[in-house]
């Protein structure tokens, strides 16, 4: 039962003062039988009040506003999470019965969104590929594991080759991307063959073998299996997503699970810095950001922050695109 120490810092710096900044954060790890939040400190510059609610997909979401002019907005989340291994499916039902059970879910509200796949160029070819991987007696569990391996083996993990506006068709042509792209391809394959699938955002925790996606936000997929429930599948690492994965949110795609997003009035130019660190030791959890002074906030009391990095990832590109599209000029 590992306990992970996670720091997630998002820092916006604006060229000129901005105001009326309205923001949404999904930085609250899921709480269930397999994931326990021991402690969570959340610090936001300006100490705004945070309104919490549960969204349609069951995620805990916070909203806040910064009305006064400001040149920096820093959101600092520091959390200790204990994870517990979820037993693997027994998979002892006849495959035909399992597929029949899944087919009956297509009209049940909790699963409709996870079965519906938006159309894209190449959707027929991807469905043909998915169906060609299956063998006649494969169960949904066996099928999901095969699809996970297919994405891992047929797509190259290359940082920076895709952006948030890269289409599914482009990803399939490139046969490359990052964890977000791998998760989207896997969810599409599952949905196209009748298995409910959802996108998961969170963190991957380091182990002795090393994992793609360590030290950053991570993404994977979950497939719904009869008589079992949701099974996590990480196509970036070709593994079951279990006690080494910390879940933040679930949804249809990345847009439903974005950790931070918002709009503001003011100048166009800004810099966004994101830093995520995941470790096991208290030493990894210590704060050493001298220029960020902790302030009391409504949600919790912070103790500081950590250094930031200016390396842009797909999450940063997404947030910048959203702000460029939606911000209003003074």
Protein backbone atom coordinates (compact mmCIF):
# COMPACT_ATOMS: atom_id res chain seq x y z
CA UNK A 1 0.00 0.00 0.00
CA UNK A 2 2.27 2.80 -1.24
CA UNK A 3 1.86 6.41 -0.17
CA UNK A 4 2.72 8.94 -2.85
CA UNK A 5 3.72 12.57 -2.36
CA UNK A 6 2.56 14.72 -5.26
CA UNK A 7 3.17 18.40 -5.97
CA UNK A 8 1.40 20.05 -8.90
CA UNK A 9 2.13 23.72 -9.59
CA UNK A 10 0.58 25.87 -12.31
CA UNK A 11 1.94 29.39 -12.59
CA UNK A 12 0.62 32.08 -14.95
CA UNK A 13 2.66 35.25 -15.51
CA UNK A 14 1.05 38.12 -17.42
CA UNK A 15 2.89 40.85 -19.32
CA UNK A 16 0.42 43.45 -18.02
CA UNK A 17 -2.15 43.32 -15.20
CA UNK A 18 -5.25 41.24 -15.89
CA UNK A 19 -8.53 41.09 -14.00
CA UNK A 20 -11.79 39.16 -13.67
CA UNK A 21 -9.97 35.85 -13.90
CA UNK A 22 -12.48 32.97 -13.59
CA UNK A 23 -10.97 29.52 -13.15
CA UNK A 24 -11.86 25.88 -12.73
CA UNK A 25 -9.57 23.30 -11.14
CA UNK A 26 -9.78 19.51 -10.98
CA UNK A 27 -6.89 18.84 -8.63
CA UNK A 28 -8.69 16.71 -6.06
CA UNK A 29 -7.73 13.01 -6.30
CA UNK A 30 -10.62 10.58 -6.52
CA UNK A 31 -11.58 9.04 -3.18
CA UNK A 32 -12.79 5.43 -3.18
CA UNK A 33 -11.90 1.96 -1.87
CA UNK A 34 -8.63 1.94 -3.83
CA UNK A 35 -7.41 5.48 -3.30
CA UNK A 36 -7.24 7.38 -0.01
CA UNK A 37 -6.28 11.04 0.30
CA UNK A 38 -4.30 11.40 3.52
CA UNK A 39 -3.65 15.14 3.29
CA UNK A 40 -4.23 17.83 0.69
CA UNK A 41 -2.91 21.38 0.87
CA UNK A 42 -4.08 23.78 -1.80
CA UNK A 43 -2.70 27.30 -2.13
CA UNK A 44 -3.80 29.90 -4.67
CA UNK A 45 -2.19 33.33 -4.86
CA UNK A 46 -4.54 36.00 -3.59
CA UNK A 47 -6.27 33.46 -1.31
CA UNK A 48 -9.62 33.35 -3.10
CA UNK A 49 -12.58 31.40 -1.80
CA UNK A 50 -12.97 28.07 -3.60
CA UNK A 51 -16.44 26.76 -4.40
CA UNK A 52 -16.54 22.95 -4.63
CA UNK A 53 -19.02 20.76 -6.48
CA UNK A 54 -19.28 17.30 -8.03
CA UNK A 55 -19.60 17.30 -11.81
CA UNK A 56 -21.64 15.00 -14.05
CA UNK A 57 -18.83 12.41 -14.18
CA UNK A 58 -18.37 12.31 -10.40
CA UNK A 59 -15.24 14.47 -10.25
CA UNK A 60 -14.67 16.98 -7.45
CA UNK A 61 -14.28 20.39 -9.07
CA UNK A 62 -13.30 23.75 -7.63
CA UNK A 63 -14.04 27.21 -9.03
CA UNK A 64 -12.67 30.59 -8.00
CA UNK A 65 -12.31 34.12 -9.31
CA UNK A 66 -9.65 36.82 -9.07
CA UNK A 67 -11.34 40.16 -9.68
CA UNK A 68 -8.51 42.48 -8.67
CA UNK A 69 -5.75 43.29 -11.20
CA UNK A 70 -2.81 40.89 -10.95
CA UNK A 71 0.27 39.94 -12.93
CA UNK A 72 0.63 36.39 -11.59
CA UNK A 73 -1.69 33.52 -10.73
CA UNK A 74 -0.15 30.56 -8.99
CA UNK A 75 -2.04 27.38 -8.12
CA UNK A 76 -0.17 25.00 -5.88
CA UNK A 77 -1.52 21.57 -4.94
CA UNK A 78 0.35 19.31 -2.52
CA UNK A 79 -1.21 15.95 -1.73
CA UNK A 80 -0.39 12.66 0.00
CA UNK A 81 -2.29 9.70 -1.48
CA UNK A 82 -2.35 6.07 -0.41
CA UNK A 83 -3.26 3.58 -3.11
CA UNK A 84 -4.49 0.00 -2.86
CA UNK A 85 -4.19 -2.69 -5.52
CA UNK A 86 -7.48 -3.61 -7.17
CA UNK A 87 -7.85 -7.36 -7.87
CA UNK A 88 -7.82 -8.28 -11.54
CA UNK A 89 -10.98 -9.62 -13.20
CA UNK A 90 -11.74 -13.32 -12.70
CA UNK A 91 -13.01 -13.41 -16.30
CA UNK A 92 -14.78 -16.74 -15.80
CA UNK A 93 -18.09 -15.93 -17.53
CA UNK A 94 -18.71 -17.19 -21.07
CA UNK A 95 -17.54 -14.54 -23.51
CA UNK A 96 -20.92 -14.54 -25.30
CA UNK A 97 -22.70 -13.70 -22.06
CA UNK A 98 -20.31 -10.87 -21.33
CA UNK A 99 -20.76 -9.30 -24.76
CA UNK A 100 -24.53 -9.64 -24.39
CA UNK A 101 -24.32 -7.86 -21.05
CA UNK A 102 -22.30 -5.01 -22.57
CA UNK A 103 -24.73 -4.68 -25.48
CA UNK A 104 -27.54 -4.07 -23.00
CA UNK A 105 -25.70 -1.02 -21.61
CA UNK A 106 -26.01 1.07 -24.77
CA UNK A 107 -29.29 2.63 -23.57
CA UNK A 108 -28.33 3.03 -19.90
CA UNK A 109 -27.55 6.65 -18.99
CA UNK A 110 -24.31 6.07 -17.01
CA UNK A 111 -22.69 4.39 -20.02
CA UNK A 112 -24.06 6.24 -23.04
CA UNK A 113 -21.31 8.87 -23.12
CA UNK A 114 -18.65 6.19 -22.74
CA UNK A 115 -20.00 4.17 -25.67
CA UNK A 116 -20.53 7.05 -28.09
CA UNK A 117 -17.48 7.82 -30.22
CA UNK A 118 -17.29 11.10 -32.13
CA UNK A 119 -16.71 10.59 -35.83
CA UNK A 120 -13.35 11.35 -37.43
CA UNK A 121 -11.55 10.67 -40.70
CA UNK A 122 -10.35 7.09 -40.53
CA UNK A 123 -12.90 5.87 -38.00
CA UNK A 124 -13.95 2.96 -40.23
CA UNK A 125 -10.36 1.85 -40.67
CA UNK A 126 -9.70 2.00 -36.91
CA UNK A 127 -12.81 -0.07 -36.23
CA UNK A 128 -11.70 -2.59 -38.86
CA UNK A 129 -8.28 -2.78 -37.20
CA UNK A 130 -9.85 -3.28 -33.78
CA UNK A 131 -12.19 -6.02 -34.95
CA UNK A 132 -9.30 -7.73 -36.74
CA UNK A 133 -7.38 -8.03 -33.47
CA UNK A 134 -10.22 -9.91 -31.77
CA UNK A 135 -10.61 -13.65 -31.85
CA UNK A 136 -14.09 -15.12 -31.79
CA UNK A 137 -13.97 -16.35 -28.20
CA UNK A 138 -12.17 -13.35 -26.69
CA UNK A 139 -13.83 -11.86 -23.64
CA UNK A 140 -14.12 -8.07 -23.22
CA UNK A 141 -11.20 -8.24 -20.76
CA UNK A 142 -8.99 -10.10 -23.22
CA UNK A 143 -10.03 -7.69 -25.96
CA UNK A 144 -9.21 -4.61 -23.86
CA UNK A 145 -5.76 -5.95 -22.96
CA UNK A 146 -5.05 -6.71 -26.63
CA UNK A 147 -6.06 -3.19 -27.66
CA UNK A 148 -3.81 -1.71 -24.98
CA UNK A 149 -0.88 -3.74 -26.29
CA UNK A 150 -1.71 -2.77 -29.88
CA UNK A 151 -1.50 0.95 -29.12
CA UNK A 152 1.74 0.46 -27.20
CA UNK A 153 3.34 -1.60 -29.98
CA UNK A 154 2.15 0.44 -32.96
CA UNK A 155 2.50 4.03 -31.76
CA UNK A 156 5.77 5.75 -30.92
CA UNK A 157 6.00 7.81 -27.74
CA UNK A 158 7.41 11.13 -28.93
CA UNK A 159 7.05 14.30 -26.89
CA UNK A 160 6.11 17.40 -28.84
CA UNK A 161 5.03 15.66 -32.04
CA UNK A 162 1.36 16.37 -31.33
CA UNK A 163 -0.56 19.29 -29.82
CA UNK A 164 -3.96 19.56 -28.21
CA UNK A 165 -5.61 20.40 -31.51
CA UNK A 166 -4.09 17.37 -33.28
CA UNK A 167 -6.99 15.35 -34.65
CA UNK A 168 -7.49 11.63 -34.21
CA UNK A 169 -6.93 11.22 -37.95
CA UNK A 170 -3.55 12.95 -37.66
CA UNK A 171 -2.56 10.81 -34.69
CA UNK A 172 -3.40 7.66 -36.62
CA UNK A 173 -1.34 8.88 -39.59
CA UNK A 174 1.61 9.85 -37.41
CA UNK A 175 1.36 6.65 -35.35
CA UNK A 176 2.97 8.66 -32.57
CA UNK A 177 2.12 10.94 -29.71
CA UNK A 178 2.09 11.19 -25.92
CA UNK A 179 -0.03 9.66 -23.18
CA UNK A 180 -3.05 11.83 -23.99
CA UNK A 181 -3.03 10.61 -27.61
CA UNK A 182 -2.51 6.98 -26.61
CA UNK A 183 -5.48 7.19 -24.24
CA UNK A 184 -7.72 8.72 -26.90
CA UNK A 185 -6.85 6.01 -29.43
CA UNK A 186 -7.49 3.24 -26.91
CA UNK A 187 -10.83 4.67 -25.77
CA UNK A 188 -11.91 4.94 -29.42
CA UNK A 189 -10.99 1.31 -30.15
CA UNK A 190 -12.89 0.10 -27.09
CA UNK A 191 -16.02 2.14 -27.85
CA UNK A 192 -16.07 1.11 -31.50
CA UNK A 193 -16.32 -2.53 -30.45
CA UNK A 194 -18.99 -2.05 -27.79
CA UNK A 195 -16.91 -1.70 -24.61
CA UNK A 196 -17.65 1.43 -22.55
CA UNK A 197 -14.44 3.41 -22.15
CA UNK A 198 -13.49 6.59 -20.36
CA UNK A 199 -10.47 8.88 -20.29
CA UNK A 200 -8.57 9.19 -17.00
CA UNK A 201 -6.24 11.98 -15.92
CA UNK A 202 -3.84 11.72 -13.02
CA UNK A 203 -0.27 10.89 -12.14
CA UNK A 204 1.95 7.90 -12.63
CA UNK A 205 4.19 7.03 -9.75
CA UNK A 206 7.80 5.92 -10.22
CA UNK A 207 8.95 2.33 -9.74
CA UNK A 208 12.17 0.41 -10.21
CA UNK A 209 11.55 -0.28 -13.91
CA UNK A 210 10.80 3.31 -14.83
CA UNK A 211 7.59 4.42 -16.52
CA UNK A 212 6.82 6.71 -19.42
CA UNK A 213 5.07 9.79 -18.14
CA UNK A 214 6.73 9.98 -14.72
CA UNK A 215 7.13 13.46 -13.32
CA UNK A 216 4.17 14.95 -15.20
CA UNK A 217 0.44 14.70 -15.45
CA UNK A 218 -0.48 11.39 -17.05
CA UNK A 219 -3.45 9.92 -18.91
CA UNK A 220 -4.80 6.45 -19.53
CA UNK A 221 -8.12 4.69 -20.16
CA UNK A 222 -10.63 2.63 -18.23
CA UNK A 223 -12.78 -0.10 -19.77
CA UNK A 224 -16.04 -1.26 -18.20
CA UNK A 225 -16.23 -5.04 -17.79
CA UNK A 226 -19.30 -7.09 -16.80
CA UNK A 227 -19.31 -8.41 -13.21
CA UNK A 228 -16.19 -6.36 -12.48
CA UNK A 229 -16.52 -2.64 -13.18
CA UNK A 230 -13.88 -0.22 -14.44
CA UNK A 231 -10.45 -1.60 -15.34
CA UNK A 232 -7.58 0.84 -15.82
CA UNK A 233 -5.38 0.33 -18.88
CA UNK A 234 -2.25 2.38 -19.55
CA UNK A 235 -1.35 2.07 -23.27
CA UNK A 236 1.66 4.36 -22.85
CA UNK A 237 3.29 1.68 -20.69
CA UNK A 238 1.26 -1.38 -21.76
CA UNK A 239 0.14 -2.21 -18.24
CA UNK A 240 -2.87 -2.38 -15.99
CA UNK A 241 -3.30 1.00 -14.29
CA UNK A 242 -3.45 0.03 -10.65
CA UNK A 243 -1.68 1.03 -7.44
CA UNK A 244 1.07 2.97 -9.26
CA UNK A 245 -1.48 5.30 -10.84
CA UNK A 246 -3.22 8.11 -8.95
CA UNK A 247 -6.54 9.17 -10.50
CA UNK A 248 -7.62 12.81 -10.58
CA UNK A 249 -10.63 12.73 -12.89
CA UNK A 250 -12.56 10.71 -15.45
CA UNK A 251 -14.54 11.79 -18.49
CA UNK A 252 -15.11 11.34 -22.20
CA UNK A 253 -11.80 12.93 -23.15
CA UNK A 254 -9.13 15.35 -22.01
CA UNK A 255 -11.45 18.36 -22.09
CA UNK A 256 -13.61 16.82 -19.35
CA UNK A 257 -10.59 16.24 -17.10
CA UNK A 258 -8.37 19.30 -17.59
CA UNK A 259 -6.66 20.02 -14.24
CA UNK A 260 -6.78 23.82 -14.66
CA UNK A 261 -8.64 26.07 -17.07
CA UNK A 262 -10.02 29.59 -17.05
CA UNK A 263 -10.60 32.92 -18.76
CA UNK A 264 -9.63 36.49 -17.93
CA UNK A 265 -9.83 40.10 -19.14
CA UNK A 266 -6.59 41.79 -20.03
CA UNK A 267 -3.50 41.64 -22.17
CA UNK A 268 -2.85 38.82 -24.59
CA UNK A 269 0.76 37.97 -23.71
CA UNK A 270 1.40 35.54 -20.87
CA UNK A 271 3.63 32.66 -19.82
CA UNK A 272 2.37 29.46 -18.24
CA UNK A 273 4.73 27.28 -16.20
CA UNK A 274 3.78 23.81 -14.98
CA UNK A 275 5.74 21.55 -12.65
CA UNK A 276 4.70 18.16 -11.32
CA UNK A 277 6.75 15.97 -9.00
CA UNK A 278 5.84 12.56 -7.62
CA UNK A 279 7.81 10.68 -4.99
CA UNK A 280 7.66 8.44 -1.94
CA UNK A 281 9.85 10.27 0.55
CA UNK A 282 9.11 13.27 2.76
CA UNK A 283 12.36 14.81 1.48
CA UNK A 284 10.85 14.91 -2.00
CA UNK A 285 7.88 16.75 -0.51
CA UNK A 286 9.79 19.62 1.05
CA UNK A 287 9.25 23.13 -0.27
CA UNK A 288 12.05 25.32 -1.56
CA UNK A 289 10.35 28.08 -3.54
CA UNK A 290 11.36 31.19 -1.62
CA UNK A 291 9.51 33.71 -3.77
CA UNK A 292 6.10 32.15 -3.20
CA UNK A 293 4.85 33.01 0.26
CA UNK A 294 2.08 30.72 1.53
CA UNK A 295 -1.29 32.27 2.28
CA UNK A 296 -4.31 30.82 4.01
CA UNK A 297 -7.05 29.73 1.62
CA UNK A 298 -10.55 28.47 2.12
CA UNK A 299 -9.78 24.88 1.18
CA UNK A 300 -6.65 24.21 3.24
CA UNK A 301 -3.51 25.75 4.71
CA UNK A 302 -0.43 25.58 2.48
CA UNK A 303 3.19 25.34 3.39
CA UNK A 304 4.95 26.65 0.29
CA UNK A 305 5.74 25.65 -3.27
CA UNK A 306 8.35 24.12 -5.54
CA UNK A 307 10.46 25.23 -8.49
CA UNK A 308 8.74 25.56 -11.85
CA UNK A 309 9.79 24.51 -15.31
CA UNK A 310 9.16 26.25 -18.61
CA UNK A 311 8.92 23.12 -20.74
CA UNK A 312 5.65 23.18 -22.65
CA UNK A 313 3.59 19.99 -22.83
CA UNK A 314 0.26 19.28 -24.48
CA UNK A 315 -1.62 20.34 -21.35
CA UNK A 316 0.06 23.75 -21.40
CA UNK A 317 -0.62 24.17 -25.12
CA UNK A 318 -4.27 23.32 -24.53
CA UNK A 319 -4.65 25.90 -21.78
CA UNK A 320 -2.98 28.61 -23.84
CA UNK A 321 -5.22 27.84 -26.81
CA UNK A 322 -8.34 28.06 -24.64
CA UNK A 323 -7.29 31.37 -23.15
CA UNK A 324 -6.36 32.85 -26.51
CA UNK A 325 -9.78 31.92 -27.87
CA UNK A 326 -11.88 33.02 -24.89
CA UNK A 327 -10.18 35.93 -23.18
CA UNK A 328 -11.77 39.35 -23.50
CA UNK A 329 -9.82 42.52 -24.05
CA UNK A 330 -10.10 45.33 -21.53
